[in-house]
Amino acid sequence: MAYLTHENKRKNLIGEGFEDTLAAILRRVPGISDAYTIHTRAMLHNLPGFHRGPVNEKPRQVDLALVRKSDQQRTLITAKWSVRADREEQFMSDFRDYARVNFGGEAFRYVLVTNEFDAARLVRACDRRAENSLLLTDVVHVNPNGPKVAYADVSPASKNKCVDMRRHIESRRLSSLDDWLQRLVSDH
């Protein structure tokens, strides 16, 4: 119980619980568990295609990683129950760190899985760019119908970010967890 009374420990518990739940779901989907090795809170340098960073630098840990067994294609997953402003900046810095220790030039996928309800934060995650391409390969919401319903009263003519969020949901740029899992099964 003492663990829960410390604010940062409580937040870590929620975040790690979310990561563990996603990992458990991934392990229970036969097409995924058969095709991918699933890593939870892995050190980046322990994943194929990444080397250890400089000696004076703290080793990088990834929330979740999928490594496709057939070709070692890597998917790095940042699992965030919510997306605060500091986490938005963390996406870019983490990506830069991952890219810096990626050797051999093989591309990796960078995916956000979240339960965030703030439309502006979801839109920024969908639109964020790294140089000339989208930063996040996929932006996955546990259930995008939740925020869609929460903002149902916003007029389509509005300049509110809810309109952009709905557009991302319709185009599947902001996809559901179920859709993403189905894509993983069909991609191998």
Foldseek 3Di string as FASTA:
>chain_A
DVLCVDVVSVQVVVQLVQLVVVQVVQCPPVLRVVFWDKDAFAFLCVQPQFHADDPVDDTDTARMWIQGPVPRAIETEDEEQEQDPVNLVVLVVVLVVSVVRGPPPRDHAYEYEYQYQDLVVLLCQLQPDDPPGRSHPAYEYQDLVVSCVVPVPDDCVDPDSSVVSVVCDVVRSHPYPVVVSVCSSVVD
